[in-house]
Amino acid sequence: MKIAAIRNYSLQMSFIPSVAANMRRATTHTERMTVYRVELDNGIVGWGDSHGAVDLSEHVGRHAMELLHGTAPDMLRMACFDAVGKTLEVPAHVLMGEQQRPRIPFAYWTIDCRLTFSHSRSAMPRIWATGRTSTRFGPGGI
C-alpha cells in the first residue's frame, strides 16, 4: 500500500449569496479549496482536502499505513484513511478507533449574520418544522 501518485486540484467554491458577505468578512474562510487525489500502488484512490495548496510529492513512495497517525499533513492523512479503508474494505473509523456516532447531523455556520429579534422569532416555527432540535443565533438575535 505505497503511495504511487499524488495530484491536487484547485477549486473555486462560491459561497451561498445570502451569506457570502459575512463569510468573506471572516479571515478564517476562503472560497478557494484544494482537493488531493492519492493513488496507491494497488490502484485504490483516496481523497483529502484543505484550504490552500501544499506540495505533497515528497510522500510518494511512502507506505500509506505509516501516515495514518503522526505528523503527516492533515489532507494527506485524510486521503490515506480513505484509501487504506477502501483497500481493507473497512470504514475509516475502524482505522481511527472506536466509532463515536453512527451519523453526523448537518450544520451550517454563517459567522455572525445579524438577525433582528422579530426576524428570529418569526423564523423559529419554520426552523422547527424542518425537524431541527437546536438553533443558535448570533449577536442581535435570540
Protein backbone atom coordinates (compact mmCIF):
# COMPACT_ATOMS: atom_id res chain seq x y z
CA MET A 1 0.00 0.00 0.00
CA LYS A 2 2.63 2.51 -1.02
CA ILE A 3 1.67 5.89 -2.43
CA ALA A 4 2.16 5.77 -6.20
CA ALA A 5 0.93 9.27 -7.09
CA ILE A 6 -0.45 12.44 -5.53
CA ARG A 7 -2.35 15.00 -7.57
CA ASN A 8 -4.06 18.17 -6.40
CA TYR A 9 -6.98 20.09 -7.89
CA SER A 10 -7.59 23.74 -7.06
CA LEU A 11 -11.25 24.67 -6.78
CA GLN A 12 -13.10 27.96 -6.51
CA MET A 13 -16.13 27.28 -4.28
CA SER A 14 -18.53 30.22 -4.21
CA PHE A 15 -20.38 30.99 -1.00
CA ILE A 16 -24.18 30.96 -0.96
CA PRO A 17 -25.18 34.51 -1.93
CA SER A 18 -27.28 35.14 1.19
CA VAL A 19 -24.26 34.65 3.49
CA ALA A 20 -21.36 35.49 1.15
CA ALA A 21 -20.65 38.96 2.59
CA ASN A 22 -20.45 37.60 6.14
CA MET A 23 -18.29 34.63 5.15
CA ARG A 24 -15.84 36.81 3.20
CA ARG A 25 -15.53 39.17 6.18
CA ALA A 26 -14.10 36.37 8.32
CA THR A 27 -10.39 35.74 7.93
CA THR A 28 -10.82 32.01 8.61
CA HIS A 29 -12.77 31.24 5.44
CA THR A 30 -11.96 31.29 1.78
CA GLU A 31 -13.67 30.32 -1.44
CA ARG A 32 -10.51 28.58 -2.63
CA MET A 33 -10.05 24.93 -1.79
CA THR A 34 -7.62 22.22 -2.86
CA VAL A 35 -8.66 18.58 -3.24
CA TYR A 36 -5.93 15.94 -3.16
CA ARG A 37 -6.09 12.61 -5.00
CA VAL A 38 -3.75 9.97 -3.55
CA GLU A 39 -3.35 6.80 -5.58
CA LEU A 40 -1.83 3.69 -4.00
CA ASP A 41 0.28 1.11 -5.83
CA ASN A 42 -2.75 -1.23 -5.77
CA GLY A 43 -4.80 1.31 -7.82
CA ILE A 44 -7.05 2.39 -4.94
CA VAL A 45 -7.63 6.16 -4.70
CA GLY A 46 -8.22 8.22 -1.56
CA TRP A 47 -9.27 11.86 -1.32
CA GLY A 48 -8.39 14.68 1.09
CA ASP A 49 -8.89 18.44 1.08
CA SER A 50 -7.60 21.68 2.54
CA HIS A 51 -7.69 25.43 2.16
CA GLY A 52 -4.56 26.32 0.23
CA ALA A 53 -2.24 24.15 -1.83
CA VAL A 54 0.73 22.22 -0.42
CA ASP A 55 3.29 20.19 -2.37
CA LEU A 56 3.00 16.62 -1.12
CA SER A 57 5.29 15.00 -3.70
CA GLU A 58 7.89 14.11 -1.04
CA HIS A 59 5.43 11.50 0.29
CA VAL A 60 5.25 9.49 -2.97
CA GLY A 61 6.74 6.05 -2.29
CA ARG A 62 5.88 6.06 1.41
CA HIS A 63 3.62 3.39 2.88
CA ALA A 64 0.11 4.79 3.42
CA MET A 65 -0.31 2.94 6.73
CA GLU A 66 2.62 4.82 8.31
CA LEU A 67 0.95 8.15 7.52
CA LEU A 68 -2.36 7.41 9.28
CA HIS A 69 -1.13 8.53 12.70
CA GLY A 70 1.60 11.05 13.25
CA THR A 71 2.76 14.29 11.75
CA ALA A 72 1.76 13.93 8.09
CA PRO A 73 -0.22 16.90 6.73
CA ASP A 74 -3.94 16.57 7.51
CA MET A 75 -5.08 16.46 3.89
CA LEU A 76 -2.66 13.59 3.20
CA ARG A 77 -3.74 11.70 6.32
CA MET A 78 -7.39 12.12 5.30
CA ALA A 79 -6.66 10.71 1.83
CA CYS A 80 -4.67 7.82 3.34
CA PHE A 81 -7.51 6.92 5.73
CA ASP A 82 -9.83 6.90 2.71
CA ALA A 83 -7.53 4.76 0.52
CA VAL A 84 -6.45 2.32 3.24
CA GLY A 85 -10.05 1.87 4.39
CA LYS A 86 -11.11 1.10 0.81
CA THR A 87 -8.21 -1.34 0.41
CA LEU A 88 -9.06 -3.21 3.61
CA GLU A 89 -12.81 -2.86 2.93
CA VAL A 90 -13.48 -1.27 6.31
CA PRO A 91 -14.94 2.13 7.27
CA ALA A 92 -12.33 4.76 8.11
CA HIS A 93 -13.44 4.82 11.76
CA VAL A 94 -12.14 1.26 12.18
CA LEU A 95 -8.65 2.61 11.40
CA MET A 96 -9.10 5.56 13.78
CA GLY A 97 -10.51 3.80 16.82
CA GLU A 98 -13.95 3.41 18.33
CA GLN A 99 -16.85 4.86 16.34
CA GLN A 100 -18.23 7.87 18.21
CA ARG A 101 -21.63 8.18 16.50
CA PRO A 102 -23.45 6.42 13.64
CA ARG A 103 -24.11 9.65 11.75
CA ILE A 104 -23.40 13.36 11.96
CA PRO A 105 -26.27 15.82 11.60
CA PHE A 106 -25.80 18.59 9.07
CA ALA A 107 -24.92 22.02 10.41
CA TYR A 108 -24.15 25.27 8.64
CA TRP A 109 -22.28 28.08 10.30
CA THR A 110 -22.82 31.56 8.95
CA ILE A 111 -20.35 33.58 11.04
CA ASP A 112 -22.36 36.32 12.76
CA CYS A 113 -25.17 37.17 10.37
CA ARG A 114 -27.17 39.86 12.04
CA LEU A 115 -30.80 38.98 12.68
CA THR A 116 -33.29 41.21 14.38
CA PHE A 117 -35.30 39.83 17.29
CA SER A 118 -38.55 39.96 15.31
CA HIS A 119 -36.96 38.18 12.34
CA SER A 120 -35.55 35.47 14.63
CA ARG A 121 -38.86 34.90 16.40
CA SER A 122 -40.80 34.64 13.16
CA ALA A 123 -38.24 32.18 11.76
CA MET A 124 -38.48 29.72 14.68
CA PRO A 125 -41.66 27.87 13.60
CA ARG A 126 -40.18 27.33 10.10
CA ILE A 127 -36.89 26.13 11.58
CA TRP A 128 -38.56 23.69 13.99
CA ALA A 129 -40.82 22.38 11.20
CA THR A 130 -37.70 21.07 9.44
CA GLY A 131 -37.03 18.75 12.37
CA ARG A 132 -34.12 20.63 13.85
CA THR A 133 -33.72 20.18 17.56
CA SER A 134 -31.41 23.13 18.18
CA THR A 135 -30.80 26.55 16.70
CA ARG A 136 -28.20 29.15 17.51
CA PHE A 137 -28.44 32.79 16.57
CA GLY A 138 -25.56 35.22 16.79
CA PRO A 139 -25.43 38.70 18.33
CA GLY A 140 -28.58 40.70 17.79
CA GLY A 141 -30.73 37.57 17.61
CA ILE A 142 -32.27 35.20 20.11
